[in-house]
Amino acid sequence: MNGTSSELQAIVDRRVGEVAAEIDPVALGRLMGERLLAAIPEFSGSTDEDFRSGIVMSCTSNVAEIRDALIGGRSLEAATPPGDATAWAHELVHRGMPLATLLRAYRLGHGLFEVVFEDVASQLDLEP
């Protein structure tokens, strides 16, 4: 492929946006929340429905923010946490959750997003 680096970057950004547009933030947020509740012992023991709903809400808003940034070609480094996610982090602090638990949740969430993104990309008929 001939072209400048900026032309190639524009093509990559457009393709990434096409893949991101196929991701449903509500469905992925729900799946992510369920996975975090099952995988993180500090979360799995909670029977508090508000807490459990907060995890899903935070996941959904984070997925939507990342998805929208990718669709819009915005830098993820410039992204700011959605208000729902910030509120959930504050809730964890009030509940006495260690910072390591929150960081693990984000690490696991990012990993799931990556797997879903790669799966969606492999299902689309994108030119190499």
C-alpha atoms as a PDB file:
ATOM      1  CA  MET A   1       0.000   0.000   0.000  1.00  0.00           C
ATOM      2  CA  ASN A   2       1.414   3.361  -1.020  1.00  0.00           C
ATOM      3  CA  GLY A   3       0.713   6.448   1.015  1.00  0.00           C
ATOM      4  CA  THR A   4       1.898   8.522   3.869  1.00  0.00           C
ATOM      5  CA  SER A   5       1.952   7.544   7.485  1.00  0.00           C
ATOM      6  CA  SER A   6      -0.955   9.891   8.203  1.00  0.00           C
ATOM      7  CA  GLU A   7      -3.016   8.282   5.409  1.00  0.00           C
ATOM      8  CA  LEU A   8      -2.321   4.842   6.836  1.00  0.00           C
ATOM      9  CA  GLN A   9      -3.244   6.065  10.332  1.00  0.00           C
ATOM     10  CA  ALA A  10      -6.516   7.451   8.977  1.00  0.00           C
ATOM     11  CA  ILE A  11      -7.343   4.059   7.455  1.00  0.00           C
ATOM     12  CA  VAL A  12      -6.503   2.258  10.700  1.00  0.00           C
ATOM     13  CA  ASP A  13      -8.577   4.724  12.724  1.00  0.00           C
ATOM     14  CA  ARG A  14     -11.525   4.264  10.358  1.00  0.00           C
ATOM     15  CA  ARG A  15     -11.299   0.457  10.591  1.00  0.00           C
ATOM     16  CA  VAL A  16     -11.005   0.565  14.389  1.00  0.00           C
ATOM     17  CA  GLY A  17     -14.089   2.778  14.454  1.00  0.00           C
ATOM     18  CA  GLU A  18     -15.973   0.300  12.265  1.00  0.00           C
ATOM     19  CA  VAL A  19     -15.160  -2.526  14.669  1.00  0.00           C
ATOM     20  CA  ALA A  20     -16.037  -0.443  17.730  1.00  0.00           C
ATOM     21  CA  ALA A  21     -19.398   0.519  16.199  1.00  0.00           C
ATOM     22  CA  GLU A  22     -20.379  -3.160  16.244  1.00  0.00           C
ATOM     23  CA  ILE A  23     -19.944  -3.419  20.028  1.00  0.00           C
ATOM     24  CA  ASP A  24     -23.076  -3.001  22.132  1.00  0.00           C
ATOM     25  CA  PRO A  25     -21.974  -1.184  25.305  1.00  0.00           C
ATOM     26  CA  VAL A  26     -25.028  -2.302  27.274  1.00  0.00           C
ATOM     27  CA  ALA A  27     -24.560  -5.993  26.463  1.00  0.00           C
ATOM     28  CA  LEU A  28     -20.805  -5.870  26.994  1.00  0.00           C
ATOM     29  CA  GLY A  29     -21.221  -3.838  30.191  1.00  0.00           C
ATOM     30  CA  ARG A  30     -23.609  -6.438  31.565  1.00  0.00           C
ATOM     31  CA  LEU A  31     -21.300  -9.314  30.601  1.00  0.00           C
ATOM     32  CA  MET A  32     -18.294  -7.495  32.042  1.00  0.00           C
ATOM     33  CA  GLY A  33     -20.100  -6.774  35.304  1.00  0.00           C
ATOM     34  CA  GLU A  34     -21.128 -10.424  35.638  1.00  0.00           C
ATOM     35  CA  ARG A  35     -17.568 -11.584  34.958  1.00  0.00           C
ATOM     36  CA  LEU A  36     -16.125  -9.172  37.519  1.00  0.00           C
ATOM     37  CA  LEU A  37     -18.665 -10.243  40.119  1.00  0.00           C
ATOM     38  CA  ALA A  38     -17.690 -13.871  39.534  1.00  0.00           C
ATOM     39  CA  ALA A  39     -13.923 -13.344  39.314  1.00  0.00           C
ATOM     40  CA  ILE A  40     -13.197 -10.929  42.144  1.00  0.00           C
ATOM     41  CA  PRO A  41     -13.719 -12.392  45.631  1.00  0.00           C
ATOM     42  CA  GLU A  42     -14.377  -8.963  47.199  1.00  0.00           C
ATOM     43  CA  PHE A  43     -17.254  -8.511  44.718  1.00  0.00           C
ATOM     44  CA  SER A  44     -18.662 -12.015  44.528  1.00  0.00           C
ATOM     45  CA  GLY A  45     -19.639 -12.119  48.186  1.00  0.00           C
ATOM     46  CA  SER A  46     -21.911  -9.098  47.893  1.00  0.00           C
ATOM     47  CA  THR A  47     -25.652  -9.690  47.788  1.00  0.00           C
ATOM     48  CA  ASP A  48     -26.337  -5.942  47.735  1.00  0.00           C
ATOM     49  CA  GLU A  49     -28.262  -5.329  44.501  1.00  0.00           C
ATOM     50  CA  ASP A  50     -27.260  -1.641  44.434  1.00  0.00           C
ATOM     51  CA  PHE A  51     -23.606  -2.659  44.562  1.00  0.00           C
ATOM     52  CA  ARG A  52     -24.069  -5.273  41.852  1.00  0.00           C
ATOM     53  CA  SER A  53     -25.999  -2.818  39.670  1.00  0.00           C
ATOM     54  CA  GLY A  54     -23.287  -0.217  40.238  1.00  0.00           C
ATOM     55  CA  ILE A  55     -20.663  -2.541  38.822  1.00  0.00           C
ATOM     56  CA  VAL A  56     -22.708  -3.108  35.670  1.00  0.00           C
ATOM     57  CA  MET A  57     -23.452   0.620  35.378  1.00  0.00           C
ATOM     58  CA  SER A  58     -19.754   1.484  35.724  1.00  0.00           C
ATOM     59  CA  CYS A  59     -18.726  -1.150  33.193  1.00  0.00           C
ATOM     60  CA  THR A  60     -21.366   0.002  30.717  1.00  0.00           C
ATOM     61  CA  SER A  61     -20.374   3.657  30.969  1.00  0.00           C
ATOM     62  CA  ASN A  62     -16.670   2.822  30.594  1.00  0.00           C
ATOM     63  CA  VAL A  63     -17.342   0.625  27.551  1.00  0.00           C
ATOM     64  CA  ALA A  64     -19.513   3.349  26.000  1.00  0.00           C
ATOM     65  CA  GLU A  65     -16.787   5.962  26.574  1.00  0.00           C
ATOM     66  CA  ILE A  66     -14.084   3.801  24.992  1.00  0.00           C
ATOM     67  CA  ARG A  67     -16.349   2.754  22.129  1.00  0.00           C
ATOM     68  CA  ASP A  68     -17.324   6.349  21.372  1.00  0.00           C
ATOM     69  CA  ALA A  69     -13.689   7.467  21.476  1.00  0.00           C
ATOM     70  CA  LEU A  70     -12.686   4.716  19.039  1.00  0.00           C
ATOM     71  CA  ILE A  71     -15.579   5.511  16.703  1.00  0.00           C
ATOM     72  CA  GLY A  72     -14.718   9.211  16.797  1.00  0.00           C
ATOM     73  CA  GLY A  73     -11.009   8.623  16.292  1.00  0.00           C
ATOM     74  CA  ARG A  74     -10.228  10.306  19.618  1.00  0.00           C
ATOM     75  CA  SER A  75      -7.129   9.448  21.586  1.00  0.00           C
ATOM     76  CA  LEU A  76      -7.829   7.112  24.488  1.00  0.00           C
ATOM     77  CA  GLU A  77      -5.100   8.877  26.441  1.00  0.00           C
ATOM     78  CA  ALA A  78      -7.276  12.002  26.430  1.00  0.00           C
ATOM     79  CA  ALA A  79     -10.399  10.146  27.579  1.00  0.00           C
ATOM     80  CA  THR A  80     -11.771  10.995  31.004  1.00  0.00           C
ATOM     81  CA  PRO A  81     -13.619   8.552  33.237  1.00  0.00           C
ATOM     82  CA  PRO A  82     -17.380   8.762  32.910  1.00  0.00           C
ATOM     83  CA  GLY A  83     -19.242  10.133  35.915  1.00  0.00           C
ATOM     84  CA  ASP A  84     -20.879   6.758  36.622  1.00  0.00           C
ATOM     85  CA  ALA A  85     -17.480   5.078  36.809  1.00  0.00           C
ATOM     86  CA  THR A  86     -16.090   7.764  39.095  1.00  0.00           C
ATOM     87  CA  ALA A  87     -19.132   7.461  41.366  1.00  0.00           C
ATOM     88  CA  TRP A  88     -18.677   3.699  41.511  1.00  0.00           C
ATOM     89  CA  ALA A  89     -15.001   4.093  42.436  1.00  0.00           C
ATOM     90  CA  HIS A  90     -16.055   6.432  45.267  1.00  0.00           C
ATOM     91  CA  GLU A  91     -18.585   3.834  46.389  1.00  0.00           C
ATOM     92  CA  LEU A  92     -15.841   1.222  46.552  1.00  0.00           C
ATOM     93  CA  VAL A  93     -13.745   3.530  48.723  1.00  0.00           C
ATOM     94  CA  HIS A  94     -16.703   4.073  51.066  1.00  0.00           C
ATOM     95  CA  ARG A  95     -17.147   0.316  51.286  1.00  0.00           C
ATOM     96  CA  GLY A  96     -13.506  -0.103  52.259  1.00  0.00           C
ATOM     97  CA  MET A  97     -12.413  -1.905  49.092  1.00  0.00           C
ATOM     98  CA  PRO A  98      -8.660  -1.890  48.553  1.00  0.00           C
ATOM     99  CA  LEU A  99      -7.272   0.012  45.576  1.00  0.00           C
ATOM    100  CA  ALA A 100      -5.851  -3.277  44.288  1.00  0.00           C
ATOM    101  CA  THR A 101      -9.408  -4.580  43.894  1.00  0.00           C
ATOM    102  CA  LEU A 102     -10.434  -1.628  41.738  1.00  0.00           C
ATOM    103  CA  LEU A 103      -7.273  -1.930  39.646  1.00  0.00           C
ATOM    104  CA  ARG A 104      -7.907  -5.661  39.167  1.00  0.00           C
ATOM    105  CA  ALA A 105     -11.462  -4.907  38.022  1.00  0.00           C
ATOM    106  CA  TYR A 106     -10.147  -2.482  35.407  1.00  0.00           C
ATOM    107  CA  ARG A 107      -7.448  -4.894  34.286  1.00  0.00           C
ATOM    108  CA  LEU A 108      -9.981  -7.708  33.856  1.00  0.00           C
ATOM    109  CA  GLY A 109     -12.439  -5.366  32.145  1.00  0.00           C
ATOM    110  CA  HIS A 110      -9.814  -4.156  29.685  1.00  0.00           C
ATOM    111  CA  GLY A 111      -8.890  -7.755  28.934  1.00  0.00           C
ATOM    112  CA  LEU A 112     -12.501  -8.667  28.173  1.00  0.00           C
ATOM    113  CA  PHE A 113     -12.922  -5.590  25.975  1.00  0.00           C
ATOM    114  CA  GLU A 114      -9.816  -6.612  24.021  1.00  0.00           C
ATOM    115  CA  VAL A 115     -11.107 -10.162  23.512  1.00  0.00           C
ATOM    116  CA  VAL A 116     -14.539  -8.931  22.365  1.00  0.00           C
ATOM    117  CA  PHE A 117     -12.964  -6.306  20.081  1.00  0.00           C
ATOM    118  CA  GLU A 118     -10.726  -8.926  18.442  1.00  0.00           C
ATOM    119  CA  ASP A 119     -13.670 -11.313  18.063  1.00  0.00           C
ATOM    120  CA  VAL A 120     -15.813  -8.633  16.408  1.00  0.00           C
ATOM    121  CA  ALA A 121     -12.924  -7.633  14.122  1.00  0.00           C
ATOM    122  CA  SER A 122     -12.439 -11.244  13.017  1.00  0.00           C
ATOM    123  CA  GLN A 123     -16.135 -11.477  12.085  1.00  0.00           C
ATOM    124  CA  LEU A 124     -16.117  -8.363   9.897  1.00  0.00           C
ATOM    125  CA  ASP A 125     -15.032  -8.486   6.297  1.00  0.00           C
ATOM    126  CA  LEU A 126     -12.295  -5.855   6.523  1.00  0.00           C
ATOM    127  CA  GLU A 127      -9.645  -5.570   3.899  1.00  0.00           C
ATOM    128  CA  PRO A 128      -6.161  -6.197   5.280  1.00  0.00           C
END
